[in-house]
Amino acid sequence: MTDPQPTDDRGRAIELEVEVPGTVEEVWEAVATGPGITSWFIPMEVEERAGGEVLMDWGSFGRETADVVAWDAPHRVVFRGRDEQALAFEWLVEARAGGSCVVRLVNSGFGEGEEWDGQYHGMSQGWKIFLANLRLQLTHFRGRRAHAAIPTVVLDGPRPAAWARLLGELGIAPDARPGDRVSTSGDAPALAGVVEEVVDGPGATAYLLVLDAPAPGTAFLAAEGDGDQVAGSGYLYLYGDDVADTGAAWTSWLGERFPAMGVEDVADPSVTWAGAGED
């Protein structure tokens, strides 16, 4: 995966690439349609045409509307927000030999200044994690549709201490490596699977998992932020008929374990990304 590059005429841009398995049509469905995006990112509805509307479900933070400003299936789509500081999200899909594709993201429109710096750096790290989750989804659950839930708690920093505290409450080792099997214990919500990737970079620490409990799916446990307050999250993407209440169960448990700082059932990764680069 390439590093973000600040090279866009609408201000700074995050530019990332990831190679994923699948045909162009399969990968296009994952990055350009509502059910596809929901299975690795956040719940979304997409009107699949130029000029169409995009609805993004930010959970307790409400819903946001964007526009489809370009639609060239199955290779290029651009979503753009409607607020004064609207960002644009361009997705490009290119076939490669051997049954894989390269997905390129250009997230543009970042301005200058300290507030923009925090959002730019935080989202740069956040997108790397989500694109890794896209790769897992297409590797293990291609063509299937997940239920997404992102329960989040605010923890006292610094991030290493917050990460250790979150995993300690879950009963998961803080030093797991790719290939290790992990599972929650005690009264923590059921979660078990294999660690596919460990992220420990600027602004975020995370385990990316392929799950077999509480249902097949992908997930990543994450601590995000470098300030006095850090977001601790369980990003869950589950397949099955009995998983709709999983997010609520996690939110309830996190609220009991971390009552002093509060908890939200957040479905908005930008909430945590925006602070990931700040001191």
C-alpha atoms as a PDB file:
ATOM      1  CA  MET A   1       0.000   0.000   0.000  1.00  0.00           C
ATOM      2  CA  THR A   2       1.443   3.370  -0.951  1.00  0.00           C
ATOM      3  CA  ASP A   3       1.811   6.313   1.414  1.00  0.00           C
ATOM      4  CA  PRO A   4      -0.512   9.342   1.156  1.00  0.00           C
ATOM      5  CA  GLN A   5       0.729  12.145  -1.073  1.00  0.00           C
ATOM      6  CA  PRO A   6      -0.277  15.835  -0.765  1.00  0.00           C
ATOM      7  CA  THR A   7      -0.781  16.400  -4.501  1.00  0.00           C
ATOM      8  CA  ASP A   8      -4.250  17.615  -5.504  1.00  0.00           C
ATOM      9  CA  ASP A   9      -5.550  20.858  -7.059  1.00  0.00           C
ATOM     10  CA  ARG A  10      -8.407  20.945  -4.539  1.00  0.00           C
ATOM     11  CA  GLY A  11      -5.932  21.215  -1.674  1.00  0.00           C
ATOM     12  CA  ARG A  12      -3.945  18.447  -0.101  1.00  0.00           C
ATOM     13  CA  ALA A  13      -4.975  14.910  -0.956  1.00  0.00           C
ATOM     14  CA  ILE A  14      -4.524  11.465   0.512  1.00  0.00           C
ATOM     15  CA  GLU A  15      -3.551   9.026  -2.246  1.00  0.00           C
ATOM     16  CA  LEU A  16      -3.435   5.318  -1.443  1.00  0.00           C
ATOM     17  CA  GLU A  17      -3.373   2.083  -3.430  1.00  0.00           C
ATOM     18  CA  VAL A  18      -4.093  -1.483  -2.399  1.00  0.00           C
ATOM     19  CA  GLU A  19      -4.113  -4.693  -4.448  1.00  0.00           C
ATOM     20  CA  VAL A  20      -7.102  -6.919  -3.786  1.00  0.00           C
ATOM     21  CA  PRO A  21      -8.404 -10.228  -5.175  1.00  0.00           C
ATOM     22  CA  GLY A  22     -11.402 -10.242  -7.498  1.00  0.00           C
ATOM     23  CA  THR A  23     -12.597  -9.224 -10.921  1.00  0.00           C
ATOM     24  CA  VAL A  24     -13.133  -5.577 -11.821  1.00  0.00           C
ATOM     25  CA  GLU A  25     -16.880  -6.080 -11.432  1.00  0.00           C
ATOM     26  CA  GLU A  26     -16.527  -7.672  -7.987  1.00  0.00           C
ATOM     27  CA  VAL A  27     -14.165  -4.993  -6.737  1.00  0.00           C
ATOM     28  CA  TRP A  28     -16.302  -2.212  -8.208  1.00  0.00           C
ATOM     29  CA  GLU A  29     -19.296  -3.507  -6.293  1.00  0.00           C
ATOM     30  CA  ALA A  30     -17.251  -3.394  -3.081  1.00  0.00           C
ATOM     31  CA  VAL A  31     -16.153   0.253  -3.462  1.00  0.00           C
ATOM     32  CA  ALA A  32     -19.038   1.869  -5.360  1.00  0.00           C
ATOM     33  CA  THR A  33     -22.284   0.368  -4.004  1.00  0.00           C
ATOM     34  CA  GLY A  34     -23.966   0.799  -0.661  1.00  0.00           C
ATOM     35  CA  PRO A  35     -23.999  -2.869   0.416  1.00  0.00           C
ATOM     36  CA  GLY A  36     -20.408  -3.310  -0.747  1.00  0.00           C
ATOM     37  CA  ILE A  37     -19.046  -0.290   1.125  1.00  0.00           C
ATOM     38  CA  THR A  38     -21.021  -1.160   4.264  1.00  0.00           C
ATOM     39  CA  SER A  39     -19.240  -4.525   4.391  1.00  0.00           C
ATOM     40  CA  TRP A  40     -15.821  -2.992   5.154  1.00  0.00           C
ATOM     41  CA  PHE A  41     -16.287   0.722   5.938  1.00  0.00           C
ATOM     42  CA  ILE A  42     -19.488   2.358   7.283  1.00  0.00           C
ATOM     43  CA  PRO A  43     -23.196   1.863   6.487  1.00  0.00           C
ATOM     44  CA  MET A  44     -23.927   3.676   3.221  1.00  0.00           C
ATOM     45  CA  GLU A  45     -26.599   3.911   0.569  1.00  0.00           C
ATOM     46  CA  VAL A  46     -25.511   4.904  -2.937  1.00  0.00           C
ATOM     47  CA  GLU A  47     -27.711   5.939  -5.857  1.00  0.00           C
ATOM     48  CA  GLU A  48     -25.653   4.348  -8.610  1.00  0.00           C
ATOM     49  CA  ARG A  49     -25.452   7.075 -11.238  1.00  0.00           C
ATOM     50  CA  ALA A  50     -23.813  10.439 -11.855  1.00  0.00           C
ATOM     51  CA  GLY A  51     -25.847  13.029 -10.012  1.00  0.00           C
ATOM     52  CA  GLY A  52     -27.067  10.431  -7.559  1.00  0.00           C
ATOM     53  CA  GLU A  53     -27.262  10.808  -3.803  1.00  0.00           C
ATOM     54  CA  VAL A  54     -25.145   9.128  -1.143  1.00  0.00           C
ATOM     55  CA  LEU A  55     -26.405   8.621   2.414  1.00  0.00           C
ATOM     56  CA  MET A  56     -23.779   7.922   5.075  1.00  0.00           C
ATOM     57  CA  ASP A  57     -24.946   6.566   8.417  1.00  0.00           C
ATOM     58  CA  TRP A  58     -22.809   7.983  11.234  1.00  0.00           C
ATOM     59  CA  GLY A  59     -24.807   6.198  13.956  1.00  0.00           C
ATOM     60  CA  SER A  60     -25.525   8.417  16.956  1.00  0.00           C
ATOM     61  CA  PHE A  61     -23.877  11.324  15.103  1.00  0.00           C
ATOM     62  CA  GLY A  62     -26.661  11.271  12.511  1.00  0.00           C
ATOM     63  CA  ARG A  63     -26.690  10.877   8.748  1.00  0.00           C
ATOM     64  CA  GLU A  64     -24.805  12.859   6.145  1.00  0.00           C
ATOM     65  CA  THR A  65     -25.622  13.365   2.486  1.00  0.00           C
ATOM     66  CA  ALA A  66     -23.135  13.527  -0.388  1.00  0.00           C
ATOM     67  CA  ASP A  67     -23.331  13.532  -4.190  1.00  0.00           C
ATOM     68  CA  VAL A  68     -22.087  11.150  -6.863  1.00  0.00           C
ATOM     69  CA  VAL A  69     -20.214  13.654  -9.018  1.00  0.00           C
ATOM     70  CA  ALA A  70     -18.703  11.053 -11.385  1.00  0.00           C
ATOM     71  CA  TRP A  71     -19.805   7.520 -12.272  1.00  0.00           C
ATOM     72  CA  ASP A  72     -17.817   5.541 -14.826  1.00  0.00           C
ATOM     73  CA  ALA A  73     -18.614   1.929 -13.972  1.00  0.00           C
ATOM     74  CA  PRO A  74     -16.724  -0.262 -13.322  1.00  0.00           C
ATOM     75  CA  HIS A  75     -13.598   1.887 -13.081  1.00  0.00           C
ATOM     76  CA  ARG A  76     -14.158   5.307 -11.479  1.00  0.00           C
ATOM     77  CA  VAL A  77     -16.564   6.896  -9.024  1.00  0.00           C
ATOM     78  CA  VAL A  78     -16.328  10.176  -7.096  1.00  0.00           C
ATOM     79  CA  PHE A  79     -18.346  11.066  -4.011  1.00  0.00           C
ATOM     80  CA  ARG A  80     -18.330  14.630  -2.673  1.00  0.00           C
ATOM     81  CA  GLY A  81     -19.803  16.003   0.541  1.00  0.00           C
ATOM     82  CA  ARG A  82     -22.143  18.980   0.606  1.00  0.00           C
ATOM     83  CA  ASP A  83     -20.896  21.061   3.534  1.00  0.00           C
ATOM     84  CA  GLU A  84     -18.605  24.086   3.283  1.00  0.00           C
ATOM     85  CA  GLN A  85     -15.479  22.016   3.925  1.00  0.00           C
ATOM     86  CA  ALA A  86     -16.654  19.088   1.803  1.00  0.00           C
ATOM     87  CA  LEU A  87     -14.079  16.437   0.960  1.00  0.00           C
ATOM     88  CA  ALA A  88     -14.079  14.420  -2.253  1.00  0.00           C
ATOM     89  CA  PHE A  89     -13.470  10.666  -2.421  1.00  0.00           C
ATOM     90  CA  GLU A  90     -12.375   9.281  -5.790  1.00  0.00           C
ATOM     91  CA  TRP A  91     -12.167   5.500  -6.252  1.00  0.00           C
ATOM     92  CA  LEU A  92     -10.426   3.931  -9.236  1.00  0.00           C
ATOM     93  CA  VAL A  93     -10.368   0.203 -10.053  1.00  0.00           C
ATOM     94  CA  GLU A  94      -7.823  -1.303 -12.456  1.00  0.00           C
ATOM     95  CA  ALA A  95      -7.527  -4.982 -13.350  1.00  0.00           C
ATOM     96  CA  ARG A  96      -4.224  -6.792 -12.909  1.00  0.00           C
ATOM     97  CA  ALA A  97      -3.085 -10.180 -14.134  1.00  0.00           C
ATOM     98  CA  GLY A  98      -3.871 -13.204 -12.016  1.00  0.00           C
ATOM     99  CA  GLY A  99      -7.385 -12.310 -10.938  1.00  0.00           C
ATOM    100  CA  SER A 100      -6.654  -9.219  -8.860  1.00  0.00           C
ATOM    101  CA  CYS A 101      -7.255  -5.477  -9.089  1.00  0.00           C
ATOM    102  CA  VAL A 102      -5.599  -2.341  -7.824  1.00  0.00           C
ATOM    103  CA  VAL A 103      -7.906   0.017  -5.953  1.00  0.00           C
ATOM    104  CA  ARG A 104      -6.741   3.622  -5.812  1.00  0.00           C
ATOM    105  CA  LEU A 105      -8.234   6.195  -3.438  1.00  0.00           C
ATOM    106  CA  VAL A 106      -7.781   9.953  -3.812  1.00  0.00           C
ATOM    107  CA  ASN A 107      -9.309  11.753  -0.826  1.00  0.00           C
ATOM    108  CA  SER A 108      -8.955  15.453  -1.657  1.00  0.00           C
ATOM    109  CA  GLY A 109     -10.021  18.883  -0.458  1.00  0.00           C
ATOM    110  CA  PHE A 110      -7.921  19.260   2.714  1.00  0.00           C
ATOM    111  CA  GLY A 111      -7.023  22.850   3.529  1.00  0.00           C
ATOM    112  CA  GLU A 112      -4.109  24.322   5.432  1.00  0.00           C
ATOM    113  CA  GLY A 113      -3.737  25.003   9.127  1.00  0.00           C
ATOM    114  CA  GLU A 114      -3.559  23.085  12.390  1.00  0.00           C
ATOM    115  CA  GLU A 115      -7.156  21.865  12.351  1.00  0.00           C
ATOM    116  CA  TRP A 116      -6.792  20.533   8.796  1.00  0.00           C
ATOM    117  CA  ASP A 117      -3.420  18.995   9.680  1.00  0.00           C
ATOM    118  CA  GLY A 118      -5.018  16.838  12.361  1.00  0.00           C
ATOM    119  CA  GLN A 119      -7.758  15.668  10.037  1.00  0.00           C
ATOM    120  CA  TYR A 120      -5.361  14.999   7.163  1.00  0.00           C
ATOM    121  CA  HIS A 121      -2.881  12.949   9.193  1.00  0.00           C
ATOM    122  CA  GLY A 122      -5.597  11.110  11.107  1.00  0.00           C
ATOM    123  CA  MET A 123      -7.534  10.129   8.004  1.00  0.00           C
ATOM    124  CA  SER A 124      -4.315   9.089   6.249  1.00  0.00           C
ATOM    125  CA  GLN A 125      -3.763   6.449   8.931  1.00  0.00           C
ATOM    126  CA  GLY A 126      -7.449   5.546   9.115  1.00  0.00           C
ATOM    127  CA  TRP A 127      -7.732   4.889   5.395  1.00  0.00           C
ATOM    128  CA  LYS A 128      -4.772   2.500   5.510  1.00  0.00           C
ATOM    129  CA  ILE A 129      -6.617   0.395   8.068  1.00  0.00           C
ATOM    130  CA  PHE A 130      -9.900   0.457   6.160  1.00  0.00           C
ATOM    131  CA  LEU A 131      -8.230  -0.483   2.884  1.00  0.00           C
ATOM    132  CA  ALA A 132      -6.593  -3.423   4.637  1.00  0.00           C
ATOM    133  CA  ASN A 133     -10.086  -4.404   5.808  1.00  0.00           C
ATOM    134  CA  LEU A 134     -11.328  -4.103   2.210  1.00  0.00           C
ATOM    135  CA  ARG A 135      -8.634  -6.573   1.192  1.00  0.00           C
ATOM    136  CA  LEU A 136      -9.729  -8.984   3.934  1.00  0.00           C
ATOM    137  CA  GLN A 137     -13.381  -8.676   2.924  1.00  0.00           C
ATOM    138  CA  LEU A 138     -12.632  -9.441  -0.713  1.00  0.00           C
ATOM    139  CA  THR A 139     -10.285 -12.268   0.236  1.00  0.00           C
ATOM    140  CA  HIS A 140     -12.593 -14.085   2.646  1.00  0.00           C
ATOM    141  CA  PHE A 141     -16.167 -12.866   2.014  1.00  0.00           C
ATOM    142  CA  ARG A 142     -16.295 -11.650  -1.576  1.00  0.00           C
ATOM    143  CA  GLY A 143     -19.863 -11.201  -2.802  1.00  0.00           C
ATOM    144  CA  ARG A 144     -21.373 -11.380   0.691  1.00  0.00           C
ATOM    145  CA  ARG A 145     -22.935  -8.491   2.617  1.00  0.00           C
ATOM    146  CA  ALA A 146     -21.980  -7.707   6.216  1.00  0.00           C
ATOM    147  CA  HIS A 147     -23.740  -5.978   9.065  1.00  0.00           C
ATOM    148  CA  ALA A 148     -21.444  -3.178  10.298  1.00  0.00           C
ATOM    149  CA  ALA A 149     -21.221  -1.918  13.877  1.00  0.00           C
ATOM    150  CA  ILE A 150     -18.586   0.389  15.347  1.00  0.00           C
ATOM    151  CA  PRO A 151     -19.000   0.741  19.117  1.00  0.00           C
ATOM    152  CA  THR A 152     -16.474   3.237  20.484  1.00  0.00           C
ATOM    153  CA  VAL A 153     -15.348   4.373  23.932  1.00  0.00           C
ATOM    154  CA  VAL A 154     -13.215   7.374  24.896  1.00  0.00           C
ATOM    155  CA  LEU A 155     -10.211   6.439  27.047  1.00  0.00           C
ATOM    156  CA  ASP A 156      -7.562   8.367  28.924  1.00  0.00           C
ATOM    157  CA  GLY A 157      -4.335   8.629  26.927  1.00  0.00           C
ATOM    158  CA  PRO A 158      -1.579   8.175  26.047  1.00  0.00           C
ATOM    159  CA  ARG A 159      -2.419   5.672  23.332  1.00  0.00           C
ATOM    160  CA  PRO A 160      -0.132   2.791  24.457  1.00  0.00           C
ATOM    161  CA  ALA A 161      -1.747   2.840  27.904  1.00  0.00           C
ATOM    162  CA  ALA A 162      -5.242   3.117  26.415  1.00  0.00           C
ATOM    163  CA  TRP A 163      -4.558   0.195  24.064  1.00  0.00           C
ATOM    164  CA  ALA A 164      -3.285  -1.977  26.906  1.00  0.00           C
ATOM    165  CA  ARG A 165      -6.295  -1.072  29.046  1.00  0.00           C
ATOM    166  CA  LEU A 166      -8.812  -1.827  26.278  1.00  0.00           C
ATOM    167  CA  LEU A 167      -7.253  -5.200  25.464  1.00  0.00           C
ATOM    168  CA  GLY A 168      -6.838  -6.014  29.139  1.00  0.00           C
ATOM    169  CA  GLU A 169     -10.562  -5.563  29.753  1.00  0.00           C
ATOM    170  CA  LEU A 170     -11.297  -7.728  26.710  1.00  0.00           C
ATOM    171  CA  GLY A 171      -8.849 -10.413  27.847  1.00  0.00           C
ATOM    172  CA  ILE A 172      -6.731 -10.141  24.688  1.00  0.00           C
ATOM    173  CA  ALA A 173      -2.926 -10.032  24.722  1.00  0.00           C
ATOM    174  CA  PRO A 174      -1.394  -6.672  23.702  1.00  0.00           C
ATOM    175  CA  ASP A 175       1.540  -8.363  21.947  1.00  0.00           C
ATOM    176  CA  ALA A 176      -0.281 -10.588  19.434  1.00  0.00           C
ATOM    177  CA  ARG A 177       1.297 -11.153  16.019  1.00  0.00           C
ATOM    178  CA  PRO A 178      -0.105 -12.063  12.592  1.00  0.00           C
ATOM    179  CA  GLY A 179      -1.262 -15.669  12.652  1.00  0.00           C
ATOM    180  CA  ASP A 180      -2.066 -15.664  16.370  1.00  0.00           C
ATOM    181  CA  ARG A 181      -5.528 -16.674  17.467  1.00  0.00           C
ATOM    182  CA  VAL A 182      -7.163 -14.293  19.957  1.00  0.00           C
ATOM    183  CA  SER A 183     -10.453 -14.312  21.832  1.00  0.00           C
ATOM    184  CA  THR A 184     -12.222 -12.296  24.480  1.00  0.00           C
ATOM    185  CA  SER A 185     -12.771 -13.731  27.953  1.00  0.00           C
ATOM    186  CA  GLY A 186     -14.778 -13.172  31.112  1.00  0.00           C
ATOM    187  CA  ASP A 187     -17.924 -11.111  30.643  1.00  0.00           C
ATOM    188  CA  ALA A 188     -16.627  -9.337  27.508  1.00  0.00           C
ATOM    189  CA  PRO A 189     -18.711  -9.725  24.342  1.00  0.00           C
ATOM    190  CA  ALA A 190     -17.764 -12.833  22.393  1.00  0.00           C
ATOM    191  CA  LEU A 191     -15.107 -12.212  19.765  1.00  0.00           C
ATOM    192  CA  ALA A 192     -12.641 -14.756  18.397  1.00  0.00           C
ATOM    193  CA  GLY A 193     -10.506 -15.077  15.318  1.00  0.00           C
ATOM    194  CA  VAL A 194      -7.054 -14.910  13.761  1.00  0.00           C
ATOM    195  CA  VAL A 195      -4.891 -11.789  13.647  1.00  0.00           C
ATOM    196  CA  GLU A 196      -4.198 -10.962   9.993  1.00  0.00           C
ATOM    197  CA  GLU A 197      -2.292  -7.719  10.482  1.00  0.00           C
ATOM    198  CA  VAL A 198      -0.974  -5.573  13.330  1.00  0.00           C
ATOM    199  CA  VAL A 199      -0.943  -1.794  12.851  1.00  0.00           C
ATOM    200  CA  ASP A 200       1.162   0.426  15.098  1.00  0.00           C
ATOM    201  CA  GLY A 201       1.723   3.697  13.313  1.00  0.00           C
ATOM    202  CA  PRO A 202       1.215   7.427  13.761  1.00  0.00           C
ATOM    203  CA  GLY A 203      -2.113   7.959  15.458  1.00  0.00           C
ATOM    204  CA  ALA A 204      -3.424   4.393  15.591  1.00  0.00           C
ATOM    205  CA  THR A 205      -2.767   0.923  16.964  1.00  0.00           C
ATOM    206  CA  ALA A 206      -4.957  -1.934  15.732  1.00  0.00           C
ATOM    207  CA  TYR A 207      -5.409  -5.656  15.263  1.00  0.00           C
ATOM    208  CA  LEU A 208      -7.099  -6.658  11.993  1.00  0.00           C
ATOM    209  CA  LEU A 209      -8.940  -9.944  12.433  1.00  0.00           C
ATOM    210  CA  VAL A 210     -10.770 -12.610  10.470  1.00  0.00           C
ATOM    211  CA  LEU A 211     -13.496 -13.833  12.826  1.00  0.00           C
ATOM    212  CA  ASP A 212     -15.340 -17.047  13.512  1.00  0.00           C
ATOM    213  CA  ALA A 213     -17.200 -15.736  16.597  1.00  0.00           C
ATOM    214  CA  PRO A 214     -19.712 -14.332  17.330  1.00  0.00           C
ATOM    215  CA  ALA A 215     -20.169 -14.972  13.592  1.00  0.00           C
ATOM    216  CA  PRO A 216     -17.970 -15.169  10.495  1.00  0.00           C
ATOM    217  CA  GLY A 217     -16.627 -11.772   9.511  1.00  0.00           C
ATOM    218  CA  THR A 218     -13.806  -9.285   9.773  1.00  0.00           C
ATOM    219  CA  ALA A 219     -13.008  -6.809  12.515  1.00  0.00           C
ATOM    220  CA  PHE A 220     -10.386  -4.546  13.846  1.00  0.00           C
ATOM    221  CA  LEU A 221      -9.804  -3.517  17.407  1.00  0.00           C
ATOM    222  CA  ALA A 222      -8.228  -0.085  17.529  1.00  0.00           C
ATOM    223  CA  ALA A 223      -6.919   2.690  19.752  1.00  0.00           C
ATOM    224  CA  GLU A 224      -6.839   5.977  17.827  1.00  0.00           C
ATOM    225  CA  GLY A 225      -5.388   9.336  18.778  1.00  0.00           C
ATOM    226  CA  ASP A 226      -2.254  10.728  20.388  1.00  0.00           C
ATOM    227  CA  GLY A 227      -3.692  13.202  22.858  1.00  0.00           C
ATOM    228  CA  ASP A 228      -5.010  13.088  26.401  1.00  0.00           C
ATOM    229  CA  GLN A 229      -8.123  11.290  25.172  1.00  0.00           C
ATOM    230  CA  VAL A 230      -7.975   8.260  22.881  1.00  0.00           C
ATOM    231  CA  ALA A 231     -10.775   6.446  21.058  1.00  0.00           C
ATOM    232  CA  GLY A 232     -10.978   2.711  21.709  1.00  0.00           C
ATOM    233  CA  SER A 233     -13.100   0.903  19.124  1.00  0.00           C
ATOM    234  CA  GLY A 234     -14.277  -2.448  17.876  1.00  0.00           C
ATOM    235  CA  TYR A 235     -15.026  -2.190  14.156  1.00  0.00           C
ATOM    236  CA  LEU A 236     -17.198  -5.251  13.464  1.00  0.00           C
ATOM    237  CA  TYR A 237     -18.332  -6.589  10.068  1.00  0.00           C
ATOM    238  CA  LEU A 238     -20.385  -9.722  10.640  1.00  0.00           C
ATOM    239  CA  TYR A 239     -22.222 -12.163   8.375  1.00  0.00           C
ATOM    240  CA  GLY A 240     -25.318 -13.986   9.536  1.00  0.00           C
ATOM    241  CA  ASP A 241     -28.941 -13.624  10.547  1.00  0.00           C
ATOM    242  CA  ASP A 242     -28.433 -13.004  14.270  1.00  0.00           C
ATOM    243  CA  VAL A 243     -25.815 -10.251  14.398  1.00  0.00           C
ATOM    244  CA  ALA A 244     -27.888  -7.052  14.235  1.00  0.00           C
ATOM    245  CA  ASP A 245     -27.746  -6.506  18.011  1.00  0.00           C
ATOM    246  CA  THR A 246     -24.007  -7.107  18.346  1.00  0.00           C
ATOM    247  CA  GLY A 247     -23.091  -3.422  18.258  1.00  0.00           C
ATOM    248  CA  ALA A 248     -25.592  -2.587  20.999  1.00  0.00           C
ATOM    249  CA  ALA A 249     -24.192  -5.366  23.200  1.00  0.00           C
ATOM    250  CA  TRP A 250     -20.650  -4.008  22.766  1.00  0.00           C
ATOM    251  CA  THR A 251     -21.801  -0.450  23.478  1.00  0.00           C
ATOM    252  CA  SER A 252     -23.490  -1.556  26.685  1.00  0.00           C
ATOM    253  CA  TRP A 253     -20.439  -3.483  27.848  1.00  0.00           C
ATOM    254  CA  LEU A 254     -18.027  -0.647  27.040  1.00  0.00           C
ATOM    255  CA  GLY A 255     -20.256   1.808  28.895  1.00  0.00           C
ATOM    256  CA  GLU A 256     -20.135  -0.385  31.991  1.00  0.00           C
ATOM    257  CA  ARG A 257     -16.370  -0.868  31.812  1.00  0.00           C
ATOM    258  CA  PHE A 258     -15.462   2.751  31.014  1.00  0.00           C
ATOM    259  CA  PRO A 259     -18.230   4.892  32.546  1.00  0.00           C
ATOM    260  CA  ALA A 260     -16.080   7.896  33.460  1.00  0.00           C
ATOM    261  CA  MET A 261     -15.356   8.949  29.862  1.00  0.00           C
ATOM    262  CA  GLY A 262     -18.640   7.923  28.247  1.00  0.00           C
ATOM    263  CA  VAL A 263     -19.366   5.796  25.207  1.00  0.00           C
ATOM    264  CA  GLU A 264     -21.157   6.138  21.882  1.00  0.00           C
ATOM    265  CA  ASP A 265     -22.142   3.593  19.286  1.00  0.00           C
ATOM    266  CA  VAL A 266     -20.171   5.443  16.655  1.00  0.00           C
ATOM    267  CA  ALA A 267     -20.380   4.631  12.948  1.00  0.00           C
ATOM    268  CA  ASP A 268     -18.183   7.553  11.910  1.00  0.00           C
ATOM    269  CA  PRO A 269     -14.496   6.744  11.526  1.00  0.00           C
ATOM    270  CA  SER A 270     -13.744  10.430  10.830  1.00  0.00           C
ATOM    271  CA  VAL A 271     -14.654  11.251  14.410  1.00  0.00           C
ATOM    272  CA  THR A 272     -11.591   9.389  15.627  1.00  0.00           C
ATOM    273  CA  TRP A 273      -9.409  10.104  12.583  1.00  0.00           C
ATOM    274  CA  ALA A 274      -9.827  13.853  13.040  1.00  0.00           C
ATOM    275  CA  GLY A 275      -7.923  13.737  16.305  1.00  0.00           C
ATOM    276  CA  ALA A 276      -5.390  11.106  15.379  1.00  0.00           C
ATOM    277  CA  GLY A 277      -2.714  13.568  14.326  1.00  0.00           C
ATOM    278  CA  GLU A 278      -3.196  16.074  17.115  1.00  0.00           C
ATOM    279  CA  ASP A 279      -1.141  16.472  20.249  1.00  0.00           C
END
